Amino acid sequence: MAESTGYGVVFVTASSEQEAQAIANALVEAKLAACVSLLPIHSIYTWQGQIHKEQEWQLLIKTDLSKFPILSAKICELHSYQVPEIIAVPIVAGSQPYLKWIGEQVIPSAEF
């Protein structure tokens, strides 16, 4: 198994394309994410005892996982959901040029 790179993808769902874009823009502008990809999805989930079927937007946030606490706090500040999905998955291997690019785009910890 490859060793973790320190980078990861954070999954977040949003209620609308506009909300997804606002969160994505804020994270990239703050240099908490190198890139955010947005995808329309259909979610089926249980909330407060009822099954919901909703159109949502999935954000795939590429970042340095050492920024997760700050990134998560920023998402919660901007998000409309009471309990937003914020799940980090480590990148265990990847193209070295791409991983280097992620590292160059995300602000160093010393600057926070």
C-alpha atoms as a PDB file:
ATOM      1  CA  MET A   1       0.000   0.000   0.000  1.00  0.00           C
ATOM      2  CA  ALA A   2       1.286   3.472  -0.847  1.00  0.00           C
ATOM      3  CA  GLU A   3       2.000   5.947   1.888  1.00  0.00           C
ATOM      4  CA  SER A   4      -0.382   8.898   2.300  1.00  0.00           C
ATOM      5  CA  THR A   5       0.584  12.069   0.452  1.00  0.00           C
ATOM      6  CA  GLY A   6      -0.867  14.494   3.011  1.00  0.00           C
ATOM      7  CA  TYR A   7      -3.374  15.623   0.395  1.00  0.00           C
ATOM      8  CA  GLY A   8      -6.965  14.577   0.042  1.00  0.00           C
ATOM      9  CA  VAL A   9     -10.398  15.066  -1.430  1.00  0.00           C
ATOM     10  CA  VAL A  10     -13.119  16.499   0.783  1.00  0.00           C
ATOM     11  CA  PHE A  11     -16.702  15.657  -0.173  1.00  0.00           C
ATOM     12  CA  VAL A  12     -19.420  18.215   0.550  1.00  0.00           C
ATOM     13  CA  THR A  13     -23.012  18.306  -0.714  1.00  0.00           C
ATOM     14  CA  ALA A  14     -24.871  21.577  -1.237  1.00  0.00           C
ATOM     15  CA  SER A  15     -28.530  22.350  -1.790  1.00  0.00           C
ATOM     16  CA  SER A  16     -28.055  24.270  -5.046  1.00  0.00           C
ATOM     17  CA  GLU A  17     -25.551  25.076  -7.757  1.00  0.00           C
ATOM     18  CA  GLN A  18     -25.354  28.648  -6.457  1.00  0.00           C
ATOM     19  CA  GLU A  19     -24.494  27.510  -2.927  1.00  0.00           C
ATOM     20  CA  ALA A  20     -21.926  25.026  -4.282  1.00  0.00           C
ATOM     21  CA  GLN A  21     -20.294  27.750  -6.385  1.00  0.00           C
ATOM     22  CA  ALA A  22     -20.216  30.187  -3.457  1.00  0.00           C
ATOM     23  CA  ILE A  23     -18.525  27.625  -1.200  1.00  0.00           C
ATOM     24  CA  ALA A  24     -16.088  26.590  -3.951  1.00  0.00           C
ATOM     25  CA  ASN A  25     -15.140  30.183  -4.749  1.00  0.00           C
ATOM     26  CA  ALA A  26     -14.600  31.034  -1.081  1.00  0.00           C
ATOM     27  CA  LEU A  27     -12.360  28.006  -0.495  1.00  0.00           C
ATOM     28  CA  VAL A  28     -10.214  28.587  -3.580  1.00  0.00           C
ATOM     29  CA  GLU A  29      -9.950  32.347  -2.948  1.00  0.00           C
ATOM     30  CA  ALA A  30      -8.886  31.679   0.672  1.00  0.00           C
ATOM     31  CA  LYS A  31      -6.306  29.168  -0.628  1.00  0.00           C
ATOM     32  CA  LEU A  32      -7.881  26.391   1.447  1.00  0.00           C
ATOM     33  CA  ALA A  33      -8.422  24.349  -1.730  1.00  0.00           C
ATOM     34  CA  ALA A  34      -6.433  23.989  -4.918  1.00  0.00           C
ATOM     35  CA  CYS A  35      -9.498  23.008  -6.950  1.00  0.00           C
ATOM     36  CA  VAL A  36     -13.176  22.278  -6.390  1.00  0.00           C
ATOM     37  CA  SER A  37     -15.132  20.214  -8.922  1.00  0.00           C
ATOM     38  CA  LEU A  38     -18.930  20.522  -8.911  1.00  0.00           C
ATOM     39  CA  LEU A  39     -21.310  17.753  -9.970  1.00  0.00           C
ATOM     40  CA  PRO A  40     -25.125  17.583  -9.959  1.00  0.00           C
ATOM     41  CA  ILE A  41     -26.336  14.536  -7.993  1.00  0.00           C
ATOM     42  CA  HIS A  42     -29.538  12.964  -6.727  1.00  0.00           C
ATOM     43  CA  SER A  43     -29.447  12.038  -3.026  1.00  0.00           C
ATOM     44  CA  ILE A  44     -31.712   9.747  -1.030  1.00  0.00           C
ATOM     45  CA  TYR A  45     -31.223  10.036   2.725  1.00  0.00           C
ATOM     46  CA  THR A  46     -32.933   9.956   6.090  1.00  0.00           C
ATOM     47  CA  TRP A  47     -33.252  13.233   7.987  1.00  0.00           C
ATOM     48  CA  GLN A  48     -35.268  13.717  11.164  1.00  0.00           C
ATOM     49  CA  GLY A  49     -36.967  10.344  10.724  1.00  0.00           C
ATOM     50  CA  GLN A  50     -38.112  10.892   7.135  1.00  0.00           C
ATOM     51  CA  ILE A  51     -36.715   9.717   3.814  1.00  0.00           C
ATOM     52  CA  HIS A  52     -35.802  12.585   1.490  1.00  0.00           C
ATOM     53  CA  LYS A  53     -35.056  12.511  -2.244  1.00  0.00           C
ATOM     54  CA  GLU A  54     -33.291  15.673  -3.334  1.00  0.00           C
ATOM     55  CA  GLN A  55     -31.311  17.163  -6.176  1.00  0.00           C
ATOM     56  CA  GLU A  56     -28.028  18.385  -4.708  1.00  0.00           C
ATOM     57  CA  TRP A  57     -24.562  19.445  -5.829  1.00  0.00           C
ATOM     58  CA  GLN A  58     -21.466  17.466  -4.892  1.00  0.00           C
ATOM     59  CA  LEU A  59     -18.270  19.390  -4.252  1.00  0.00           C
ATOM     60  CA  LEU A  60     -14.997  17.484  -4.682  1.00  0.00           C
ATOM     61  CA  ILE A  61     -12.443  19.637  -2.881  1.00  0.00           C
ATOM     62  CA  LYS A  62      -8.762  18.913  -3.514  1.00  0.00           C
ATOM     63  CA  THR A  63      -6.669  20.151  -0.584  1.00  0.00           C
ATOM     64  CA  ASP A  64      -3.877  19.678   1.908  1.00  0.00           C
ATOM     65  CA  LEU A  65      -5.528  17.687   4.718  1.00  0.00           C
ATOM     66  CA  SER A  66      -3.571  19.612   7.364  1.00  0.00           C
ATOM     67  CA  LYS A  67      -6.022  22.445   6.537  1.00  0.00           C
ATOM     68  CA  PHE A  68      -9.095  20.299   7.265  1.00  0.00           C
ATOM     69  CA  PRO A  69     -10.098  22.021  10.552  1.00  0.00           C
ATOM     70  CA  ILE A  70      -9.980  25.493   8.953  1.00  0.00           C
ATOM     71  CA  LEU A  71     -11.600  24.275   5.732  1.00  0.00           C
ATOM     72  CA  SER A  72     -14.386  22.539   7.664  1.00  0.00           C
ATOM     73  CA  ALA A  73     -15.063  25.647   9.758  1.00  0.00           C
ATOM     74  CA  LYS A  74     -15.266  27.799   6.597  1.00  0.00           C
ATOM     75  CA  ILE A  75     -17.696  25.364   4.975  1.00  0.00           C
ATOM     76  CA  CYS A  76     -19.928  25.378   8.088  1.00  0.00           C
ATOM     77  CA  GLU A  77     -19.870  29.198   8.098  1.00  0.00           C
ATOM     78  CA  LEU A  78     -21.122  29.336   4.481  1.00  0.00           C
ATOM     79  CA  HIS A  79     -23.399  26.274   4.339  1.00  0.00           C
ATOM     80  CA  SER A  80     -27.190  26.321   4.589  1.00  0.00           C
ATOM     81  CA  TYR A  81     -27.495  22.812   6.050  1.00  0.00           C
ATOM     82  CA  GLN A  82     -27.750  22.270   9.793  1.00  0.00           C
ATOM     83  CA  VAL A  83     -25.466  19.226   9.436  1.00  0.00           C
ATOM     84  CA  PRO A  84     -23.484  19.505   6.196  1.00  0.00           C
ATOM     85  CA  GLU A  85     -21.637  16.521   4.776  1.00  0.00           C
ATOM     86  CA  ILE A  86     -17.900  17.182   5.194  1.00  0.00           C
ATOM     87  CA  ILE A  87     -15.904  13.990   4.611  1.00  0.00           C
ATOM     88  CA  ALA A  88     -12.172  13.833   3.913  1.00  0.00           C
ATOM     89  CA  VAL A  89     -10.586  10.970   1.991  1.00  0.00           C
ATOM     90  CA  PRO A  90      -6.788  10.844   1.772  1.00  0.00           C
ATOM     91  CA  ILE A  91      -5.017  10.630  -1.560  1.00  0.00           C
ATOM     92  CA  VAL A  92      -2.691   7.673  -1.040  1.00  0.00           C
ATOM     93  CA  ALA A  93      -1.029   8.049  -4.433  1.00  0.00           C
ATOM     94  CA  GLY A  94      -1.210  10.414  -7.368  1.00  0.00           C
ATOM     95  CA  SER A  95       0.602  12.072 -10.209  1.00  0.00           C
ATOM     96  CA  GLN A  96       3.590  13.891  -8.701  1.00  0.00           C
ATOM     97  CA  PRO A  97       3.110  17.009 -10.862  1.00  0.00           C
ATOM     98  CA  TYR A  98      -0.559  17.211  -9.793  1.00  0.00           C
ATOM     99  CA  LEU A  99       0.236  16.679  -6.105  1.00  0.00           C
ATOM    100  CA  LYS A 100       2.964  19.329  -6.328  1.00  0.00           C
ATOM    101  CA  TRP A 101       0.420  21.704  -7.889  1.00  0.00           C
ATOM    102  CA  ILE A 102      -2.046  21.098  -5.008  1.00  0.00           C
ATOM    103  CA  GLY A 103       0.722  21.946  -2.535  1.00  0.00           C
ATOM    104  CA  GLU A 104       1.556  25.150  -4.388  1.00  0.00           C
ATOM    105  CA  GLN A 105      -2.073  26.339  -4.420  1.00  0.00           C
ATOM    106  CA  VAL A 106      -2.998  25.750  -0.769  1.00  0.00           C
ATOM    107  CA  ILE A 107      -1.673  28.377   1.616  1.00  0.00           C
ATOM    108  CA  PRO A 108       1.052  27.168   4.013  1.00  0.00           C
ATOM    109  CA  SER A 109       0.047  26.564   7.649  1.00  0.00           C
ATOM    110  CA  ALA A 110       2.387  29.321   8.849  1.00  0.00           C
ATOM    111  CA  GLU A 111       0.172  31.888   7.125  1.00  0.00           C
ATOM    112  CA  PHE A 112      -2.929  31.027   9.188  1.00  0.00           C
END
